[in-house]
Amino acid sequence: MRNMILLKQNRFNQFLNSVEGINGKTLTIRLQQLEEYGLVERKLIPGMPAHTEYYPTEKGMAVQRILVEIASFSAKFEPEIIFVDKRPRNNGKPLFGTRNLSEVYDS
């Protein structure tokens, strides 16, 4: 959900390459669960080759505010697991708006 909503990613390989330590089987199971819970819609995109993309549903988009709050909390109180320099971020402004999450991680 984080990657779909905050990073605007929608393809399996994008998720696989950006979710630390997850393998393909686990990611497949998680995407299926999100679809079963009604948080994600899977779309088959025709073409050569055809591929699948995942998009948050209206229900899935309802978690955006929660994700931003969790990310902001982590940036302030758990910087050692998020930032290269391990320093907290708390400048009184929201960390996410038009910035990509990846920019925030190493800024």
C-alpha atoms as a PDB file:
ATOM      1  CA  MET A   1       0.000   0.000   0.000  1.00  0.00           C
ATOM      2  CA  ARG A   2       2.848   2.370   0.881  1.00  0.00           C
ATOM      3  CA  ASN A   3       4.436   1.962  -2.532  1.00  0.00           C
ATOM      4  CA  MET A   4       1.167   2.297  -4.442  1.00  0.00           C
ATOM      5  CA  ILE A   5      -0.036   5.364  -2.585  1.00  0.00           C
ATOM      6  CA  LEU A   6       3.113   7.273  -1.653  1.00  0.00           C
ATOM      7  CA  LEU A   7       5.496   6.235  -4.443  1.00  0.00           C
ATOM      8  CA  LYS A   8       2.929   5.749  -7.232  1.00  0.00           C
ATOM      9  CA  GLN A   9       4.300   2.289  -8.044  1.00  0.00           C
ATOM     10  CA  ASN A  10       1.926  -0.268  -9.515  1.00  0.00           C
ATOM     11  CA  ARG A  11       3.947  -3.166 -10.949  1.00  0.00           C
ATOM     12  CA  PHE A  12       5.097  -6.335  -9.231  1.00  0.00           C
ATOM     13  CA  ASN A  13       8.796  -5.813  -9.993  1.00  0.00           C
ATOM     14  CA  GLN A  14       8.668  -2.250  -8.681  1.00  0.00           C
ATOM     15  CA  PHE A  15       7.348  -3.588  -5.381  1.00  0.00           C
ATOM     16  CA  LEU A  16       9.821  -6.461  -5.339  1.00  0.00           C
ATOM     17  CA  ASN A  17      12.792  -4.145  -5.875  1.00  0.00           C
ATOM     18  CA  SER A  18      11.752  -1.592  -3.272  1.00  0.00           C
ATOM     19  CA  VAL A  19      10.421  -3.669  -0.370  1.00  0.00           C
ATOM     20  CA  GLU A  20      13.465  -4.650   1.631  1.00  0.00           C
ATOM     21  CA  GLY A  21      13.909  -8.375   2.193  1.00  0.00           C
ATOM     22  CA  ILE A  22      10.667  -9.567   0.571  1.00  0.00           C
ATOM     23  CA  ASN A  23      10.728 -12.462  -1.867  1.00  0.00           C
ATOM     24  CA  GLY A  24       8.432 -12.991  -4.834  1.00  0.00           C
ATOM     25  CA  LYS A  25       6.289 -15.660  -3.174  1.00  0.00           C
ATOM     26  CA  THR A  26       5.629 -13.529  -0.104  1.00  0.00           C
ATOM     27  CA  LEU A  27       4.849 -10.479  -2.234  1.00  0.00           C
ATOM     28  CA  THR A  28       2.407 -12.518  -4.333  1.00  0.00           C
ATOM     29  CA  ILE A  29       0.596 -13.687  -1.187  1.00  0.00           C
ATOM     30  CA  ARG A  30       0.445 -10.157   0.227  1.00  0.00           C
ATOM     31  CA  LEU A  31      -0.941  -8.707  -3.008  1.00  0.00           C
ATOM     32  CA  GLN A  32      -3.580 -11.464  -3.127  1.00  0.00           C
ATOM     33  CA  GLN A  33      -4.571 -10.692   0.469  1.00  0.00           C
ATOM     34  CA  LEU A  34      -4.835  -6.968  -0.240  1.00  0.00           C
ATOM     35  CA  GLU A  35      -7.061  -7.791  -3.208  1.00  0.00           C
ATOM     36  CA  GLU A  36      -9.225 -10.127  -1.082  1.00  0.00           C
ATOM     37  CA  TYR A  37      -9.621  -7.387   1.559  1.00  0.00           C
ATOM     38  CA  GLY A  38     -10.787  -4.973  -1.131  1.00  0.00           C
ATOM     39  CA  LEU A  39      -7.816  -2.631  -0.706  1.00  0.00           C
ATOM     40  CA  VAL A  40      -6.233  -3.291  -4.110  1.00  0.00           C
ATOM     41  CA  GLU A  41      -7.530  -3.877  -7.615  1.00  0.00           C
ATOM     42  CA  ARG A  42      -5.495  -5.978 -10.037  1.00  0.00           C
ATOM     43  CA  LYS A  43      -5.606  -4.998 -13.713  1.00  0.00           C
ATOM     44  CA  LEU A  44      -4.272  -6.999 -16.641  1.00  0.00           C
ATOM     45  CA  ILE A  45      -2.628  -4.635 -19.123  1.00  0.00           C
ATOM     46  CA  PRO A  46      -2.620  -6.023 -22.685  1.00  0.00           C
ATOM     47  CA  GLY A  47       0.393  -5.654 -24.901  1.00  0.00           C
ATOM     48  CA  MET A  48       3.611  -7.419 -25.725  1.00  0.00           C
ATOM     49  CA  PRO A  49       4.219  -8.643 -23.183  1.00  0.00           C
ATOM     50  CA  ALA A  50       1.020  -8.346 -21.197  1.00  0.00           C
ATOM     51  CA  HIS A  51       1.534  -7.445 -17.554  1.00  0.00           C
ATOM     52  CA  THR A  52      -0.400  -6.919 -14.352  1.00  0.00           C
ATOM     53  CA  GLU A  53      -0.687  -3.658 -12.453  1.00  0.00           C
ATOM     54  CA  TYR A  54      -2.101  -3.042  -8.990  1.00  0.00           C
ATOM     55  CA  TYR A  55      -4.051   0.029  -7.918  1.00  0.00           C
ATOM     56  CA  PRO A  56      -5.544   1.013  -4.579  1.00  0.00           C
ATOM     57  CA  THR A  57      -9.327   0.965  -4.460  1.00  0.00           C
ATOM     58  CA  GLU A  58     -11.346   3.707  -2.789  1.00  0.00           C
ATOM     59  CA  LYS A  59     -11.108   1.651   0.404  1.00  0.00           C
ATOM     60  CA  GLY A  60      -7.355   1.316  -0.088  1.00  0.00           C
ATOM     61  CA  MET A  61      -6.909   5.057  -0.606  1.00  0.00           C
ATOM     62  CA  ALA A  62      -8.579   5.630   2.750  1.00  0.00           C
ATOM     63  CA  VAL A  63      -5.365   4.441   4.427  1.00  0.00           C
ATOM     64  CA  GLN A  64      -3.256   7.208   2.841  1.00  0.00           C
ATOM     65  CA  ARG A  65      -3.548   9.514   5.843  1.00  0.00           C
ATOM     66  CA  ILE A  66      -2.599   6.656   8.169  1.00  0.00           C
ATOM     67  CA  LEU A  67       0.465   5.787   6.069  1.00  0.00           C
ATOM     68  CA  VAL A  68       1.651   9.389   6.074  1.00  0.00           C
ATOM     69  CA  GLU A  69       1.235   9.611   9.852  1.00  0.00           C
ATOM     70  CA  ILE A  70       3.130   6.347  10.417  1.00  0.00           C
ATOM     71  CA  ALA A  71       5.921   7.470   8.092  1.00  0.00           C
ATOM     72  CA  SER A  72       6.161  10.847   9.828  1.00  0.00           C
ATOM     73  CA  PHE A  73       6.231   9.149  13.234  1.00  0.00           C
ATOM     74  CA  SER A  74       8.996   6.808  12.080  1.00  0.00           C
ATOM     75  CA  ALA A  75      11.022   9.662  10.613  1.00  0.00           C
ATOM     76  CA  LYS A  76      10.927  11.443  13.955  1.00  0.00           C
ATOM     77  CA  PHE A  77      11.238   8.568  16.430  1.00  0.00           C
ATOM     78  CA  GLU A  78      12.929   5.726  14.510  1.00  0.00           C
ATOM     79  CA  PRO A  79      15.479   7.492  12.267  1.00  0.00           C
ATOM     80  CA  GLU A  80      18.086   4.772  12.756  1.00  0.00           C
ATOM     81  CA  ILE A  81      16.012   2.360  10.699  1.00  0.00           C
ATOM     82  CA  ILE A  82      15.012   4.862   7.997  1.00  0.00           C
ATOM     83  CA  PHE A  83      17.766   7.371   7.293  1.00  0.00           C
ATOM     84  CA  VAL A  84      21.345   6.810   6.203  1.00  0.00           C
ATOM     85  CA  ASP A  85      22.611   9.382   8.718  1.00  0.00           C
ATOM     86  CA  LYS A  86      20.301   7.978  11.458  1.00  0.00           C
ATOM     87  CA  ARG A  87      19.172  11.510  12.463  1.00  0.00           C
ATOM     88  CA  PRO A  88      15.510  12.314  13.166  1.00  0.00           C
ATOM     89  CA  ARG A  89      13.512  14.632  10.936  1.00  0.00           C
ATOM     90  CA  ASN A  90      11.110  17.050  12.581  1.00  0.00           C
ATOM     91  CA  ASN A  91      10.975  20.476  11.022  1.00  0.00           C
ATOM     92  CA  GLY A  92       7.310  21.011  11.797  1.00  0.00           C
ATOM     93  CA  LYS A  93       6.283  20.340   8.200  1.00  0.00           C
ATOM     94  CA  PRO A  94       4.773  17.147   6.844  1.00  0.00           C
ATOM     95  CA  LEU A  95       7.445  14.933   5.327  1.00  0.00           C
ATOM     96  CA  PHE A  96       5.255  13.878   2.451  1.00  0.00           C
ATOM     97  CA  GLY A  97       3.422  16.055   0.039  1.00  0.00           C
ATOM     98  CA  THR A  98       4.870  16.321  -3.393  1.00  0.00           C
ATOM     99  CA  ARG A  99       8.144  14.611  -2.419  1.00  0.00           C
ATOM    100  CA  ASN A 100       8.834  10.962  -3.133  1.00  0.00           C
ATOM    101  CA  LEU A 101       9.362   8.741  -0.118  1.00  0.00           C
ATOM    102  CA  SER A 102      12.771   7.776  -1.489  1.00  0.00           C
ATOM    103  CA  GLU A 103      13.828  11.439  -1.415  1.00  0.00           C
ATOM    104  CA  VAL A 104      12.853  11.643   2.233  1.00  0.00           C
ATOM    105  CA  TYR A 105      14.756   8.499   3.181  1.00  0.00           C
ATOM    106  CA  ASP A 106      18.141   9.909   2.241  1.00  0.00           C
ATOM    107  CA  SER A 107      17.583  13.653   2.600  1.00  0.00           C
END
